[in-house]
All heavy atoms as atom14 arrays in JSON, in Angstrom:
{
  "sequence": "AEQLSRGVELEEALRRSIDALDGVFTYLLSTADGIGMASDRLAIKP",
  "atom14_mask": [
    [1, 1, 1, 1, 1, 0, 0, 0, 0, 0, 0, 0, 0, 0],
    [1, 1, 1, 1, 1, 1, 1, 1, 1, 0, 0, 0, 0, 0],
    [1, 1, 1, 1, 1, 1, 1, 1, 1, 0, 0, 0, 0, 0],
    [1, 1, 1, 1, 1, 1, 1, 1, 0, 0, 0, 0, 0, 0],
    [1, 1, 1, 1, 1, 1, 0, 0, 0, 0, 0, 0, 0, 0],
    [1, 1, 1, 1, 1, 1, 1, 1, 1, 1, 1, 0, 0, 0],
    [1, 1, 1, 1, 0, 0, 0, 0, 0, 0, 0, 0, 0, 0],
    [1, 1, 1, 1, 1, 1, 1, 0, 0, 0, 0, 0, 0, 0],
    [1, 1, 1, 1, 1, 1, 1, 1, 1, 0, 0, 0, 0, 0],
    [1, 1, 1, 1, 1, 1, 1, 1, 0, 0, 0, 0, 0, 0],
    [1, 1, 1, 1, 1, 1, 1, 1, 1, 0, 0, 0, 0, 0],
    [1, 1, 1, 1, 1, 1, 1, 1, 1, 0, 0, 0, 0, 0],
    [1, 1, 1, 1, 1, 0, 0, 0, 0, 0, 0, 0, 0, 0],
    [1, 1, 1, 1, 1, 1, 1, 1, 0, 0, 0, 0, 0, 0],
    [1, 1, 1, 1, 1, 1, 1, 1, 1, 1, 1, 0, 0, 0],
    [1, 1, 1, 1, 1, 1, 1, 1, 1, 1, 1, 0, 0, 0],
    [1, 1, 1, 1, 1, 1, 0, 0, 0, 0, 0, 0, 0, 0],
    [1, 1, 1, 1, 1, 1, 1, 1, 0, 0, 0, 0, 0, 0],
    [1, 1, 1, 1, 1, 1, 1, 1, 0, 0, 0, 0, 0, 0],
    [1, 1, 1, 1, 1, 0, 0, 0, 0, 0, 0, 0, 0, 0],
    [1, 1, 1, 1, 1, 1, 1, 1, 0, 0, 0, 0, 0, 0],
    [1, 1, 1, 1, 1, 1, 1, 1, 0, 0, 0, 0, 0, 0],
    [1, 1, 1, 1, 0, 0, 0, 0, 0, 0, 0, 0, 0, 0],
    [1, 1, 1, 1, 1, 1, 1, 0, 0, 0, 0, 0, 0, 0],
    [1, 1, 1, 1, 1, 1, 1, 1, 1, 1, 1, 0, 0, 0],
    [1, 1, 1, 1, 1, 1, 1, 0, 0, 0, 0, 0, 0, 0],
    [1, 1, 1, 1, 1, 1, 1, 1, 1, 1, 1, 1, 0, 0],
    [1, 1, 1, 1, 1, 1, 1, 1, 0, 0, 0, 0, 0, 0],
    [1, 1, 1, 1, 1, 1, 1, 1, 0, 0, 0, 0, 0, 0],
    [1, 1, 1, 1, 1, 1, 0, 0, 0, 0, 0, 0, 0, 0],
    [1, 1, 1, 1, 1, 1, 1, 0, 0, 0, 0, 0, 0, 0],
    [1, 1, 1, 1, 1, 0, 0, 0, 0, 0, 0, 0, 0, 0],
    [1, 1, 1, 1, 1, 1, 1, 1, 0, 0, 0, 0, 0, 0],
    [1, 1, 1, 1, 0, 0, 0, 0, 0, 0, 0, 0, 0, 0],
    [1, 1, 1, 1, 1, 1, 1, 1, 0, 0, 0, 0, 0, 0],
    [1, 1, 1, 1, 0, 0, 0, 0, 0, 0, 0, 0, 0, 0],
    [1, 1, 1, 1, 1, 1, 1, 1, 0, 0, 0, 0, 0, 0],
    [1, 1, 1, 1, 1, 0, 0, 0, 0, 0, 0, 0, 0, 0],
    [1, 1, 1, 1, 1, 1, 0, 0, 0, 0, 0, 0, 0, 0],
    [1, 1, 1, 1, 1, 1, 1, 1, 0, 0, 0, 0, 0, 0],
    [1, 1, 1, 1, 1, 1, 1, 1, 1, 1, 1, 0, 0, 0],
    [1, 1, 1, 1, 1, 1, 1, 1, 0, 0, 0, 0, 0, 0],
    [1, 1, 1, 1, 1, 0, 0, 0, 0, 0, 0, 0, 0, 0],
    [1, 1, 1, 1, 1, 1, 1, 1, 0, 0, 0, 0, 0, 0],
    [1, 1, 1, 1, 1, 1, 1, 1, 1, 0, 0, 0, 0, 0],
    [1, 1, 1, 1, 1, 1, 1, 0, 0, 0, 0, 0, 0, 0]
  ],
  "atom14_positions": [
    [[92.7, 115.97, 103.68], [92.52, 115.04, 104.8], [91.39, 115.47, 105.72], [90.65, 114.62, 106.25], [93.82, 114.92, 105.58], [0.0, 0.0, 0.0], [0.0, 0.0, 0.0], [0.0, 0.0, 0.0], [0.0, 0.0, 0.0], [0.0, 0.0, 0.0], [0.0, 0.0, 0.0], [0.0, 0.0, 0.0], [0.0, 0.0, 0.0], [0.0, 0.0, 0.0]],
    [[91.25, 116.77, 105.93], [90.16, 117.25, 106.79], [88.81, 116.87, 106.18], [87.89, 116.45, 106.9], [90.26, 118.76, 106.97], [89.21, 119.31, 107.95], [89.26, 120.82, 108.08], [89.69, 121.5, 107.12], [88.85, 121.32, 109.14], [0.0, 0.0, 0.0], [0.0, 0.0, 0.0], [0.0, 0.0, 0.0], [0.0, 0.0, 0.0], [0.0, 0.0, 0.0]],
    [[88.68, 117.01, 104.87], [87.43, 116.62, 104.23], [87.18, 115.11, 104.33], [86.06, 114.68, 104.6], [87.45, 117.05, 102.76], [87.44, 118.55, 102.57], [87.24, 118.92, 101.13], [86.18, 118.7, 100.55], [88.28, 119.48, 100.54], [0.0, 0.0, 0.0], [0.0, 0.0, 0.0], [0.0, 0.0, 0.0], [0.0, 0.0, 0.0], [0.0, 0.0, 0.0]],
    [[88.23, 114.33, 104.14], [88.08, 112.88, 104.27], [87.61, 112.52, 105.67], [86.8, 111.6, 105.85], [89.4, 112.18, 103.96], [89.95, 112.34, 102.53], [91.28, 111.61, 102.4], [88.96, 111.85, 101.5], [0.0, 0.0, 0.0], [0.0, 0.0, 0.0], [0.0, 0.0, 0.0], [0.0, 0.0, 0.0], [0.0, 0.0, 0.0], [0.0, 0.0, 0.0]],
    [[88.12, 113.23, 106.69], [87.74, 112.94, 108.08], [86.26, 113.25, 108.33], [85.67, 112.74, 109.29], [88.61, 113.74, 109.04], [88.27, 115.12, 109.03], [0.0, 0.0, 0.0], [0.0, 0.0, 0.0], [0.0, 0.0, 0.0], [0.0, 0.0, 0.0], [0.0, 0.0, 0.0], [0.0, 0.0, 0.0], [0.0, 0.0, 0.0], [0.0, 0.0, 0.0]],
    [[85.67, 114.08, 107.49], [84.25, 114.43, 107.62], [83.36, 113.53, 106.78], [82.15, 113.74, 106.69], [84.03, 115.88, 107.2], [84.73, 116.89, 108.11], [84.63, 118.29, 107.52], [85.2, 119.3, 108.4], [85.36, 120.58, 108.07], [84.99, 120.98, 106.86], [85.89, 121.43, 108.91], [0.0, 0.0, 0.0], [0.0, 0.0, 0.0], [0.0, 0.0, 0.0]],
    [[83.95, 112.55, 106.11], [83.16, 111.6, 105.33], [83.06, 111.91, 103.86], [82.35, 111.21, 103.12], [0.0, 0.0, 0.0], [0.0, 0.0, 0.0], [0.0, 0.0, 0.0], [0.0, 0.0, 0.0], [0.0, 0.0, 0.0], [0.0, 0.0, 0.0], [0.0, 0.0, 0.0], [0.0, 0.0, 0.0], [0.0, 0.0, 0.0], [0.0, 0.0, 0.0]],
    [[83.74, 112.95, 103.39], [83.74, 113.27, 101.96], [84.59, 112.23, 101.22], [85.68, 111.88, 101.66], [84.31, 114.68, 101.72], [84.35, 115.0, 100.23], [83.47, 115.72, 102.46], [0.0, 0.0, 0.0], [0.0, 0.0, 0.0], [0.0, 0.0, 0.0], [0.0, 0.0, 0.0], [0.0, 0.0, 0.0], [0.0, 0.0, 0.0], [0.0, 0.0, 0.0]],
    [[84.09, 111.75, 100.1], [84.85, 110.79, 99.3], [86.08, 111.47, 98.69], [86.05, 112.67, 98.38], [83.99, 110.2, 98.19], [82.83, 109.34, 98.69], [83.32, 108.05, 99.34], [84.36, 107.53, 98.9], [82.66, 107.58, 100.29], [0.0, 0.0, 0.0], [0.0, 0.0, 0.0], [0.0, 0.0, 0.0], [0.0, 0.0, 0.0], [0.0, 0.0, 0.0]],
    [[87.15, 110.69, 98.5], [88.39, 111.26, 97.98], [88.18, 111.95, 96.64], [88.68, 113.06, 96.42], [89.45, 110.17, 97.85], [90.8, 110.61, 97.25], [91.42, 111.74, 98.04], [91.75, 109.42, 97.15], [0.0, 0.0, 0.0], [0.0, 0.0, 0.0], [0.0, 0.0, 0.0], [0.0, 0.0, 0.0], [0.0, 0.0, 0.0], [0.0, 0.0, 0.0]],
    [[87.44, 111.33, 95.75], [87.22, 111.92, 94.43], [86.57, 113.3, 94.54], [86.96, 114.25, 93.85], [86.36, 110.99, 93.58], [86.11, 111.47, 92.18], [85.27, 110.49, 91.38], [85.21, 109.3, 91.75], [84.67, 110.93, 90.38], [0.0, 0.0, 0.0], [0.0, 0.0, 0.0], [0.0, 0.0, 0.0], [0.0, 0.0, 0.0], [0.0, 0.0, 0.0]],
    [[85.58, 113.41, 95.42], [84.89, 114.69, 95.59], [85.81, 115.72, 96.25], [85.8, 116.9, 95.87], [83.64, 114.49, 96.45], [82.9, 115.77, 96.82], [82.4, 116.56, 95.63], [82.26, 115.99, 94.53], [82.16, 117.78, 95.79], [0.0, 0.0, 0.0], [0.0, 0.0, 0.0], [0.0, 0.0, 0.0], [0.0, 0.0, 0.0], [0.0, 0.0, 0.0]],
    [[86.61, 115.3, 97.22], [87.55, 116.23, 97.86], [88.56, 116.77, 96.86], [88.9, 117.96, 96.87], [88.26, 115.53, 99.02], [0.0, 0.0, 0.0], [0.0, 0.0, 0.0], [0.0, 0.0, 0.0], [0.0, 0.0, 0.0], [0.0, 0.0, 0.0], [0.0, 0.0, 0.0], [0.0, 0.0, 0.0], [0.0, 0.0, 0.0], [0.0, 0.0, 0.0]],
    [[89.05, 115.9, 95.99], [89.99, 116.33, 94.96], [89.32, 117.32, 94.01], [89.91, 118.34, 93.64], [90.5, 115.13, 94.18], [91.32, 114.08, 94.94], [91.55, 112.85, 94.07], [92.64, 114.64, 95.41], [0.0, 0.0, 0.0], [0.0, 0.0, 0.0], [0.0, 0.0, 0.0], [0.0, 0.0, 0.0], [0.0, 0.0, 0.0], [0.0, 0.0, 0.0]],
    [[88.09, 117.03, 93.64], [87.37, 117.91, 92.72], [87.17, 119.29, 93.35], [87.32, 120.32, 92.69], [86.02, 117.29, 92.35], [85.29, 118.05, 91.25], [83.88, 117.54, 91.02], [83.88, 116.14, 90.65], [83.32, 115.17, 91.37], [82.75, 115.47, 92.53], [83.34, 113.93, 90.96], [0.0, 0.0, 0.0], [0.0, 0.0, 0.0], [0.0, 0.0, 0.0]],
    [[86.83, 119.31, 94.62], [86.63, 120.59, 95.31], [87.91, 121.42, 95.34], [87.87, 122.65, 95.27], [86.15, 120.35, 96.74], [84.74, 119.78, 96.86], [84.38, 119.56, 98.32], [83.06, 118.95, 98.46], [82.51, 118.66, 99.64], [83.16, 118.93, 100.77], [81.3, 118.12, 99.7], [0.0, 0.0, 0.0], [0.0, 0.0, 0.0], [0.0, 0.0, 0.0]],
    [[89.04, 120.73, 95.44], [90.31, 121.45, 95.54], [90.62, 122.25, 94.28], [91.31, 123.26, 94.34], [91.46, 120.47, 95.83], [91.87, 119.77, 94.66], [0.0, 0.0, 0.0], [0.0, 0.0, 0.0], [0.0, 0.0, 0.0], [0.0, 0.0, 0.0], [0.0, 0.0, 0.0], [0.0, 0.0, 0.0], [0.0, 0.0, 0.0], [0.0, 0.0, 0.0]],
    [[90.12, 121.81, 93.14], [90.39, 122.52, 91.89], [89.83, 123.94, 91.95], [90.42, 124.88, 91.41], [89.81, 121.73, 90.7], [90.5, 120.35, 90.6], [89.97, 122.49, 89.4], [89.87, 119.41, 89.6], [0.0, 0.0, 0.0], [0.0, 0.0, 0.0], [0.0, 0.0, 0.0], [0.0, 0.0, 0.0], [0.0, 0.0, 0.0], [0.0, 0.0, 0.0]],
    [[88.69, 124.1, 92.61], [88.11, 125.43, 92.79], [88.72, 126.17, 93.98], [88.86, 127.39, 93.95], [86.6, 125.33, 92.97], [85.89, 124.87, 91.71], [86.32, 125.28, 90.61], [84.94, 124.08, 91.81], [0.0, 0.0, 0.0], [0.0, 0.0, 0.0], [0.0, 0.0, 0.0], [0.0, 0.0, 0.0], [0.0, 0.0, 0.0], [0.0, 0.0, 0.0]],
    [[89.07, 125.43, 95.03], [89.54, 126.08, 96.26], [90.98, 126.57, 96.17], [91.35, 127.55, 96.82], [89.41, 125.1, 97.43], [0.0, 0.0, 0.0], [0.0, 0.0, 0.0], [0.0, 0.0, 0.0], [0.0, 0.0, 0.0], [0.0, 0.0, 0.0], [0.0, 0.0, 0.0], [0.0, 0.0, 0.0], [0.0, 0.0, 0.0], [0.0, 0.0, 0.0]],
    [[91.8, 125.91, 95.36], [93.21, 126.26, 95.26], [93.44, 127.25, 94.12], [92.94, 127.05, 93.02], [94.07, 125.0, 95.03], [93.9, 123.89, 96.07], [94.74, 122.68, 95.67], [94.27, 124.36, 97.47], [0.0, 0.0, 0.0], [0.0, 0.0, 0.0], [0.0, 0.0, 0.0], [0.0, 0.0, 0.0], [0.0, 0.0, 0.0], [0.0, 0.0, 0.0]],
    [[94.22, 128.26, 94.4], [94.52, 129.28, 93.4], [95.99, 129.18, 93.04], [96.85, 129.28, 93.91], [94.19, 130.67, 93.96], [94.35, 131.76, 92.91], [94.33, 131.43, 91.71], [94.49, 132.93, 93.3], [0.0, 0.0, 0.0], [0.0, 0.0, 0.0], [0.0, 0.0, 0.0], [0.0, 0.0, 0.0], [0.0, 0.0, 0.0], [0.0, 0.0, 0.0]],
    [[96.28, 128.98, 91.78], [97.66, 128.87, 91.34], [97.8, 127.81, 90.27], [96.82, 127.4, 89.63], [0.0, 0.0, 0.0], [0.0, 0.0, 0.0], [0.0, 0.0, 0.0], [0.0, 0.0, 0.0], [0.0, 0.0, 0.0], [0.0, 0.0, 0.0], [0.0, 0.0, 0.0], [0.0, 0.0, 0.0], [0.0, 0.0, 0.0], [0.0, 0.0, 0.0]],
    [[99.03, 127.36, 90.06], [99.28, 126.26, 89.13], [99.7, 125.05, 89.95], [100.54, 125.15, 90.83], [100.37, 126.62, 88.1], [99.88, 127.71, 87.17], [101.66, 127.07, 88.78], [0.0, 0.0, 0.0], [0.0, 0.0, 0.0], [0.0, 0.0, 0.0], [0.0, 0.0, 0.0], [0.0, 0.0, 0.0], [0.0, 0.0, 0.0], [0.0, 0.0, 0.0]],
    [[99.1, 123.91, 89.67], [99.38, 122.74, 90.49], [98.99, 121.45, 89.78], [98.01, 121.4, 89.03], [98.64, 122.82, 91.84], [97.14, 122.94, 91.71], [96.33, 121.81, 91.6], [96.54, 124.2, 91.69], [94.95, 121.94, 91.48], [95.16, 124.33, 91.58], [94.36, 123.2, 91.47], [0.0, 0.0, 0.0], [0.0, 0.0, 0.0], [0.0, 0.0, 0.0]],
    [[99.78, 120.45, 89.98], [99.41, 119.06, 89.76], [99.94, 118.31, 90.96], [101.14, 118.34, 91.23], [100.03, 118.49, 88.47], [99.48, 119.18, 87.34], [99.72, 117.01, 88.34], [0.0, 0.0, 0.0], [0.0, 0.0, 0.0], [0.0, 0.0, 0.0], [0.0, 0.0, 0.0], [0.0, 0.0, 0.0], [0.0, 0.0, 0.0], [0.0, 0.0, 0.0]],
    [[99.06, 117.69, 91.7], [99.51, 116.99, 92.9], [99.01, 115.56, 92.93], [97.99, 115.21, 92.32], [99.11, 117.74, 94.17], [97.63, 117.79, 94.48], [97.0, 116.72, 95.12], [96.86, 118.91, 94.16], [95.65, 116.76, 95.43], [95.5, 118.96, 94.47], [94.9, 117.88, 95.11], [93.56, 117.92, 95.4], [0.0, 0.0, 0.0], [0.0, 0.0, 0.0]],
    [[99.76, 114.73, 93.64], [99.39, 113.35, 93.9], [99.13, 113.22, 95.39], [99.99, 113.59, 96.2], [100.51, 112.39, 93.48], [100.88, 112.38, 92.0], [102.13, 111.53, 91.78], [99.72, 111.82, 91.17], [0.0, 0.0, 0.0], [0.0, 0.0, 0.0], [0.0, 0.0, 0.0], [0.0, 0.0, 0.0], [0.0, 0.0, 0.0], [0.0, 0.0, 0.0]],
    [[97.97, 112.73, 95.76], [97.63, 112.54, 97.16], [97.35, 111.06, 97.41], [96.53, 110.45, 96.72], [96.43, 113.39, 97.56], [96.15, 113.33, 99.06], [96.05, 114.73, 99.66], [94.88, 112.53, 99.35], [0.0, 0.0, 0.0], [0.0, 0.0, 0.0], [0.0, 0.0, 0.0], [0.0, 0.0, 0.0], [0.0, 0.0, 0.0], [0.0, 0.0, 0.0]],
    [[98.03, 110.5, 98.39], [97.89, 109.08, 98.67], [97.21, 108.85, 100.01], [97.37, 109.63, 100.95], [99.26, 108.4, 98.67], [100.14, 109.03, 99.59], [0.0, 0.0, 0.0], [0.0, 0.0, 0.0], [0.0, 0.0, 0.0], [0.0, 0.0, 0.0], [0.0, 0.0, 0.0], [0.0, 0.0, 0.0], [0.0, 0.0, 0.0], [0.0, 0.0, 0.0]],
    [[96.43, 107.78, 100.06], [95.81, 107.3, 101.29], [96.1, 105.81, 101.39], [96.7, 105.22, 100.48], [94.3, 107.53, 101.31], [93.68, 106.63, 100.38], [93.95, 108.97, 100.91], [0.0, 0.0, 0.0], [0.0, 0.0, 0.0], [0.0, 0.0, 0.0], [0.0, 0.0, 0.0], [0.0, 0.0, 0.0], [0.0, 0.0, 0.0], [0.0, 0.0, 0.0]],
    [[95.61, 105.18, 102.45], [95.79, 103.73, 102.58], [95.05, 102.99, 101.47], [95.37, 101.82, 101.19], [95.29, 103.27, 103.95], [0.0, 0.0, 0.0], [0.0, 0.0, 0.0], [0.0, 0.0, 0.0], [0.0, 0.0, 0.0], [0.0, 0.0, 0.0], [0.0, 0.0, 0.0], [0.0, 0.0, 0.0], [0.0, 0.0, 0.0], [0.0, 0.0, 0.0]],
    [[94.09, 103.64, 100.84], [93.25, 102.97, 99.84], [93.67, 103.21, 98.4], [93.12, 102.6, 97.49], [91.79, 103.41, 100.01], [91.24, 103.02, 101.37], [91.55, 101.92, 101.84], [90.49, 103.83, 101.95], [0.0, 0.0, 0.0], [0.0, 0.0, 0.0], [0.0, 0.0, 0.0], [0.0, 0.0, 0.0], [0.0, 0.0, 0.0], [0.0, 0.0, 0.0]],
    [[94.62, 104.13, 98.17], [95.03, 104.37, 96.79], [95.67, 105.73, 96.6], [96.12, 106.37, 97.56], [0.0, 0.0, 0.0], [0.0, 0.0, 0.0], [0.0, 0.0, 0.0], [0.0, 0.0, 0.0], [0.0, 0.0, 0.0], [0.0, 0.0, 0.0], [0.0, 0.0, 0.0], [0.0, 0.0, 0.0], [0.0, 0.0, 0.0], [0.0, 0.0, 0.0]],
    [[95.68, 106.18, 95.36], [96.3, 107.45, 94.98], [95.31, 108.26, 94.16], [94.62, 107.74, 93.27], [97.58, 107.21, 94.14], [98.63, 106.47, 94.97], [98.15, 108.55, 93.63], [99.86, 106.07, 94.17], [0.0, 0.0, 0.0], [0.0, 0.0, 0.0], [0.0, 0.0, 0.0], [0.0, 0.0, 0.0], [0.0, 0.0, 0.0], [0.0, 0.0, 0.0]],
    [[95.23, 109.55, 94.46], [94.43, 110.46, 93.67], [95.3, 111.58, 93.12], [96.4, 111.83, 93.61], [0.0, 0.0, 0.0], [0.0, 0.0, 0.0], [0.0, 0.0, 0.0], [0.0, 0.0, 0.0], [0.0, 0.0, 0.0], [0.0, 0.0, 0.0], [0.0, 0.0, 0.0], [0.0, 0.0, 0.0], [0.0, 0.0, 0.0], [0.0, 0.0, 0.0]],
    [[94.82, 112.25, 92.09], [95.53, 113.41, 91.56], [94.52, 114.48, 91.19], [93.35, 114.2, 90.94], [96.38, 113.05, 90.34], [95.63, 112.63, 89.08], [94.89, 113.98, 88.06], [96.35, 114.91, 87.61], [0.0, 0.0, 0.0], [0.0, 0.0, 0.0], [0.0, 0.0, 0.0], [0.0, 0.0, 0.0], [0.0, 0.0, 0.0], [0.0, 0.0, 0.0]],
    [[95.01, 115.71, 91.2], [94.21, 116.84, 90.71], [95.14, 117.84, 90.07], [96.29, 118.0, 90.5], [93.4, 117.48, 91.84], [0.0, 0.0, 0.0], [0.0, 0.0, 0.0], [0.0, 0.0, 0.0], [0.0, 0.0, 0.0], [0.0, 0.0, 0.0], [0.0, 0.0, 0.0], [0.0, 0.0, 0.0], [0.0, 0.0, 0.0], [0.0, 0.0, 0.0]],
    [[94.64, 118.51, 89.05], [95.42, 119.55, 88.38], [94.54, 120.77, 88.16], [93.31, 120.67, 88.1], [95.96, 119.05, 87.04], [94.89, 118.79, 86.14], [0.0, 0.0, 0.0], [0.0, 0.0, 0.0], [0.0, 0.0, 0.0], [0.0, 0.0, 0.0], [0.0, 0.0, 0.0], [0.0, 0.0, 0.0], [0.0, 0.0, 0.0], [0.0, 0.0, 0.0]],
    [[95.19, 121.93, 88.04], [94.45, 123.15, 87.79], [93.91, 123.15, 86.35], [94.22, 122.26, 85.56], [95.34, 124.36, 88.03], [96.47, 124.44, 87.02], [96.25, 124.98, 85.93], [97.58, 123.95, 87.33], [0.0, 0.0, 0.0], [0.0, 0.0, 0.0], [0.0, 0.0, 0.0], [0.0, 0.0, 0.0], [0.0, 0.0, 0.0], [0.0, 0.0, 0.0]],
    [[93.13, 124.15, 86.02], [92.45, 124.15, 84.72], [93.35, 124.52, 83.55], [92.92, 124.47, 82.39], [91.23, 125.05, 84.79], [90.13, 124.46, 85.66], [88.82, 125.24, 85.56], [87.75, 124.52, 86.22], [87.48, 124.58, 87.52], [88.23, 125.36, 88.3], [86.5, 123.9, 88.05], [0.0, 0.0, 0.0], [0.0, 0.0, 0.0], [0.0, 0.0, 0.0]],
    [[94.58, 124.89, 83.81], [95.53, 125.12, 82.73], [96.47, 123.92, 82.54], [97.05, 123.75, 81.48], [96.36, 126.39, 83.0], [95.58, 127.7, 83.05], [96.53, 128.85, 83.37], [94.86, 127.95, 81.73], [0.0, 0.0, 0.0], [0.0, 0.0, 0.0], [0.0, 0.0, 0.0], [0.0, 0.0, 0.0], [0.0, 0.0, 0.0], [0.0, 0.0, 0.0]],
    [[96.59, 123.11, 83.61], [97.43, 121.9, 83.57], [98.84, 122.2, 83.06], [99.37, 121.5, 82.2], [96.76, 120.82, 82.72], [0.0, 0.0, 0.0], [0.0, 0.0, 0.0], [0.0, 0.0, 0.0], [0.0, 0.0, 0.0], [0.0, 0.0, 0.0], [0.0, 0.0, 0.0], [0.0, 0.0, 0.0], [0.0, 0.0, 0.0], [0.0, 0.0, 0.0]],
    [[99.44, 123.25, 83.6], [100.8, 123.62, 83.2], [101.82, 122.59, 83.69], [102.79, 122.29, 83.0], [101.14, 125.02, 83.72], [100.27, 126.07, 83.03], [102.62, 125.34, 83.55], [100.41, 127.46, 83.58], [0.0, 0.0, 0.0], [0.0, 0.0, 0.0], [0.0, 0.0, 0.0], [0.0, 0.0, 0.0], [0.0, 0.0, 0.0], [0.0, 0.0, 0.0]],
    [[101.57, 122.02, 84.87], [102.49, 121.04, 85.43], [102.12, 119.65, 84.92], [101.01, 119.18, 85.14], [102.45, 121.08, 86.97], [102.81, 122.44, 87.56], [104.24, 122.84, 87.2], [104.6, 124.17, 87.84], [105.99, 124.58, 87.53], [0.0, 0.0, 0.0], [0.0, 0.0, 0.0], [0.0, 0.0, 0.0], [0.0, 0.0, 0.0], [0.0, 0.0, 0.0]],
    [[103.03, 118.97, 84.23], [102.66, 117.75, 83.52], [102.53, 116.51, 84.41], [103.1, 116.44, 85.5], [103.84, 117.57, 82.55], [105.01, 118.2, 83.27], [104.43, 119.37, 84.01], [0.0, 0.0, 0.0], [0.0, 0.0, 0.0], [0.0, 0.0, 0.0], [0.0, 0.0, 0.0], [0.0, 0.0, 0.0], [0.0, 0.0, 0.0], [0.0, 0.0, 0.0]]
  ]
}
């Protein structure tokens, strides 16, 4: 959300999170305009 508030597009913010977050994750993030998802590079969480 902080990135979105600075004008970063949702797709780019999600992509950045893949490098910024350390661990195993698959998340769904929703805004008024839609839903995005991102997963780590192992994609353990289905």
